[in-house]
Protein backbone atom coordinates (compact mmCIF):
# COMPACT_ATOMS: atom_id res chain seq x y z
CA MET A 1 133.59 9.12 31.76
CA THR A 2 130.85 9.47 33.25
CA ASP A 3 128.45 7.06 32.87
CA PHE A 4 124.67 7.51 32.66
CA VAL A 5 121.06 6.12 32.99
CA ILE A 6 119.88 7.23 29.31
CA PRO A 7 121.86 9.46 26.84
CA ALA A 8 123.33 12.29 28.14
CA PRO A 9 121.21 15.26 26.20
CA ALA A 10 123.54 16.32 23.13
CA GLN A 11 125.53 20.31 24.01
CA PRO A 12 123.53 23.21 22.76
CA SER A 13 125.70 25.50 20.59
CA VAL A 14 126.72 28.22 18.25
CA ALA A 15 128.56 28.42 15.24
CA VAL A 16 131.15 30.92 15.60
CA GLU A 17 131.74 33.12 12.42
CA GLY A 18 134.62 31.57 9.65
CA SER A 19 135.12 28.66 12.49
CA VAL A 20 134.15 25.02 12.47
CA ALA A 21 134.05 25.32 15.80
CA ARG A 22 131.38 25.74 17.89
CA PHE A 23 130.97 28.19 20.95
CA PRO A 24 128.55 25.78 23.40
CA ILE A 25 126.04 27.08 25.52
CA ARG A 26 125.13 26.59 29.38
CA ARG A 27 122.68 29.16 29.99
CA VAL A 28 120.70 31.90 28.25
CA PHE A 29 120.33 35.71 30.27
CA CYS A 30 118.13 38.42 28.57
CA VAL A 31 116.98 41.56 29.65
CA GLY A 32 113.27 43.24 29.69
CA ARG A 33 113.24 46.21 28.19
CA ASN A 34 116.32 47.71 27.99
CA TYR A 35 115.79 50.42 25.12
CA ALA A 36 113.80 53.34 26.06
CA ALA A 37 111.18 53.26 23.49
CA HIS A 38 110.54 49.99 23.36
CA ALA A 39 109.66 50.03 27.15
CA ARG A 40 107.36 53.22 26.62
CA GLU A 41 105.32 51.36 23.47
CA MET A 42 105.05 47.91 26.35
CA GLY A 43 103.36 50.66 28.37
CA ASN A 44 105.95 50.94 31.60
CA ASP A 45 108.41 53.92 32.14
CA PRO A 46 112.21 53.28 31.73
CA THR A 47 113.37 56.30 34.21
CA ARG A 48 112.24 53.76 37.23
CA GLU A 49 112.86 51.00 36.99
CA PRO A 50 116.50 49.01 37.53
CA PRO A 51 116.76 45.57 34.68
CA PHE A 52 114.74 42.97 35.05
CA PHE A 53 116.36 39.32 33.63
CA PHE A 54 114.51 35.96 32.56
CA SER A 55 115.79 33.21 31.12
CA LYS A 56 116.09 31.03 27.98
CA PRO A 57 116.82 27.05 27.66
CA ALA A 58 119.92 26.62 26.16
CA ASP A 59 118.79 24.45 23.74
CA ALA A 60 116.13 27.23 22.25
CA VAL A 61 119.69 28.82 20.47
CA VAL A 62 118.66 28.02 16.66
CA PRO A 63 120.72 29.42 13.60
CA ALA A 64 119.03 32.64 12.46
CA ALA A 65 119.32 30.58 8.91
CA SER A 66 116.95 29.00 6.97
CA VAL A 67 113.11 28.28 8.05
CA VAL A 68 112.93 29.00 11.69
CA PRO A 69 109.78 27.10 12.82
CA TYR A 70 106.44 28.75 13.77
CA PRO A 71 105.49 27.66 17.55
CA SER A 72 101.91 25.93 18.94
CA LEU A 73 99.71 27.24 21.22
CA THR A 74 99.69 30.84 20.13
CA ASP A 75 98.23 33.23 17.70
CA ASN A 76 101.00 36.06 18.12
CA LEU A 77 103.97 35.41 17.59
CA HIS A 78 106.72 38.73 17.80
CA HIS A 79 110.13 39.49 16.65
CA GLU A 80 112.57 41.22 19.29
CA VAL A 81 116.10 42.24 17.37
CA GLU A 82 119.19 42.04 20.10
CA LEU A 83 122.75 41.99 20.68
CA VAL A 84 123.82 39.01 21.69
CA VAL A 85 127.14 38.70 24.05
CA ALA A 86 128.82 35.67 25.10
CA ILE A 87 131.06 35.34 27.50
CA GLY A 88 133.98 34.10 27.63
CA ARG A 89 135.41 34.13 31.05
CA GLY A 90 133.14 33.66 34.55
CA GLY A 91 132.95 35.45 37.40
CA THR A 92 130.43 37.18 40.42
CA ASP A 93 129.71 40.64 41.55
CA VAL A 94 131.58 42.00 38.16
CA GLU A 95 132.41 46.35 38.70
CA ALA A 96 130.83 47.77 35.54
CA ALA A 97 134.27 48.96 34.76
CA ASP A 98 135.73 45.03 34.68
CA ALA A 99 132.59 43.80 33.52
CA LEU A 100 134.29 44.04 29.03
CA ALA A 101 136.92 41.70 29.76
CA LEU A 102 134.62 38.73 30.51
CA VAL A 103 133.66 38.73 27.27
CA TRP A 104 134.60 35.96 24.25
CA GLY A 105 132.73 37.80 21.12
CA TYR A 106 128.84 39.10 20.15
CA GLY A 107 125.84 37.91 17.31
CA VAL A 108 122.87 39.04 17.01
CA GLY A 109 119.54 37.40 17.58
CA VAL A 110 115.77 37.73 17.64
CA ASP A 111 114.09 37.11 21.40
CA LEU A 112 111.13 34.89 19.81
CA THR A 113 108.29 35.85 22.49
CA ARG A 114 104.31 34.30 22.37
CA ARG A 115 102.35 37.48 23.35
CA ASP A 116 99.18 36.18 23.81
CA LEU A 117 100.75 33.66 26.33
CA GLN A 118 103.25 36.76 27.28
CA ASP A 119 99.46 39.31 28.53
CA VAL A 120 97.85 36.19 30.04
CA ALA A 121 100.68 35.70 32.75
CA LYS A 122 101.08 39.24 33.56
CA LYS A 123 97.38 39.53 33.57
CA MET A 124 97.33 36.68 36.96
CA GLY A 125 100.66 36.73 38.34
CA ARG A 126 102.29 34.03 36.40
CA PRO A 127 105.76 33.35 35.56
CA TRP A 128 106.26 33.99 31.48
CA ASP A 129 108.28 30.55 30.54
CA TRP A 130 105.97 29.29 28.33
CA ALA A 131 105.55 32.58 26.59
CA LYS A 132 109.88 33.24 26.30
CA GLY A 133 111.09 29.64 26.32
CA PHE A 134 109.92 27.37 24.41
CA ASP A 135 111.77 25.17 21.71
CA ALA A 136 113.74 27.37 18.45
CA SER A 137 112.46 30.90 21.14
CA ALA A 138 116.29 32.31 19.68
CA PRO A 139 117.43 32.65 16.34
CA CYS A 140 120.68 33.66 16.49
CA SER A 141 123.32 34.27 13.95
CA ALA A 142 127.59 33.10 14.13
CA LEU A 143 129.37 34.94 16.71
CA ARG A 144 131.94 36.86 15.70
CA PRO A 145 135.49 37.60 18.89
CA VAL A 146 136.13 40.45 20.46
CA SER A 147 139.37 40.47 18.22
CA ALA A 148 137.56 39.87 14.26
CA LEU A 149 134.90 43.07 15.91
CA GLY A 150 138.31 45.57 16.89
CA GLY A 151 137.01 45.85 19.64
CA HIS A 152 133.07 46.00 21.85
CA PRO A 153 130.66 47.02 19.78
CA SER A 154 129.21 50.46 22.21
CA ALA A 155 127.63 51.95 18.65
CA GLY A 156 125.85 50.83 15.67
CA ARG A 157 122.42 50.31 14.05
CA VAL A 158 119.92 47.85 14.93
CA TRP A 159 117.21 46.31 12.37
CA LEU A 160 114.58 44.21 11.15
CA GLU A 161 112.59 43.80 8.95
CA VAL A 162 109.71 41.46 7.33
CA ASN A 163 109.34 40.30 3.57
CA GLY A 164 111.14 43.81 3.41
CA ASP A 165 109.53 46.52 5.75
CA VAL A 166 111.65 47.94 8.29
CA ARG A 167 110.03 47.27 11.76
CA GLN A 168 112.54 48.33 14.24
CA ASP A 169 115.61 50.08 13.99
CA GLY A 170 117.93 51.66 17.05
CA ASP A 171 120.89 52.21 17.67
CA LEU A 172 123.69 50.56 19.94
CA ARG A 173 123.97 53.89 21.88
CA GLU A 174 119.76 53.71 23.28
CA LEU A 175 120.32 50.85 25.37
CA ILE A 176 119.43 52.30 28.99
CA TRP A 177 121.79 49.68 30.47
CA PRO A 178 124.97 49.48 28.22
CA VAL A 179 126.78 45.96 27.76
CA ALA A 180 129.27 46.62 30.59
CA ASP A 181 125.79 47.43 33.16
CA VAL A 182 124.03 44.08 31.58
CA ILE A 183 127.26 42.04 32.90
CA ALA A 184 128.01 43.75 36.06
CA HIS A 185 123.54 43.46 36.85
CA VAL A 186 123.87 39.49 36.27
CA SER A 187 127.04 38.63 37.98
CA ARG A 188 124.98 40.01 41.46
CA ALA A 189 122.43 37.90 41.43
CA VAL A 190 124.38 34.40 39.35
CA ALA A 191 128.21 33.22 38.78
CA LEU A 192 128.89 33.95 35.59
CA GLN A 193 130.19 31.63 33.38
CA PRO A 194 132.27 30.31 30.23
CA GLY A 195 129.04 29.54 27.77
CA ASP A 196 126.92 32.01 28.70
CA LEU A 197 125.08 34.13 26.53
CA ILE A 198 123.04 37.60 27.17
CA PHE A 199 120.21 38.59 25.11
CA THR A 200 120.64 42.52 25.43
CA GLY A 201 116.98 43.92 24.82
CA THR A 202 115.16 45.48 22.26
CA PRO A 203 114.66 48.18 20.52
CA ALA A 204 111.08 49.15 19.70
CA GLY A 205 108.81 48.60 16.76
CA VAL A 206 107.84 44.61 18.36
CA GLY A 207 105.52 43.16 16.05
CA ALA A 208 103.45 40.08 15.10
CA LEU A 209 105.01 37.13 12.70
CA GLN A 210 103.33 34.88 10.31
CA PRO A 211 104.05 31.98 9.25
CA GLY A 212 105.63 31.86 5.50
CA ASP A 213 107.74 36.19 6.18
CA ARG A 214 110.68 37.02 5.75
CA VAL A 215 112.99 38.42 8.08
CA ARG A 216 116.37 40.11 8.15
CA GLY A 217 117.26 42.03 10.78
CA GLY A 218 121.21 43.09 12.27
CA VAL A 219 123.51 44.72 13.99
CA GLU A 220 125.87 46.73 12.20
CA GLY A 221 129.31 46.34 12.29
CA VAL A 222 128.65 42.52 14.12
CA ALA A 223 126.26 40.28 11.96
CA THR A 224 123.37 40.18 9.58
CA PHE A 225 120.43 37.54 9.07
CA GLU A 226 118.49 36.25 7.12
CA PHE A 227 114.95 33.56 7.83
CA GLU A 228 111.26 32.26 7.17
CA MET A 229 109.19 31.25 9.07
CA GLY A 230 108.03 27.93 9.00
CA PRO A 231 103.91 26.37 8.70
CA ARG A 232 101.81 26.66 11.74
CA PRO A 233 101.59 23.76 13.80
CA ARG A 234 99.18 21.13 12.53
């Protein structure tokens, strides 16, 4: 047993549907602009860009349930609903044809984004960390193993509504880079390990959230979620 000079941080984890056991989180990778319509709404041409990635801290993942805290330092917090891939086997330089063998299961997450901070960072050529990697910036449903889903989802509605109004409404068939391709790309840059999560990108319709908003969403055949945004920090 290792001795530490301070108490060791808690192991970040996410719930597993129907189980008291949890899925430990190692790292969180996120794909940018992986739906053509969303890429266009952000002012980019999806036909010319290879996939790019950013990260969130493992402990940014919180349950997509009950109340999710509204973050500080923003007046323009955006929602981005996404299929989440949970990696159960490690690999490097994985071919797309072999990539799905690394997947343990799937869930649904929301990439919360401090859009105003991101816009400033883009204009100044600075990193996005404060825009994407803040506390509780990755609400996530409970995960379901591939066996419980009957296979790997490749089609199905991806949706999010705020206070009963549908904001985002797409389909997994619209992914520019499907899950297998995303895994292959990540594995060429870093060694994937069990416990890694991949947020696979969001369809068009991203928009602002306000304190007290009721947020519902899901991916057809995978999971749904519902939570409320907490009050604005004082």
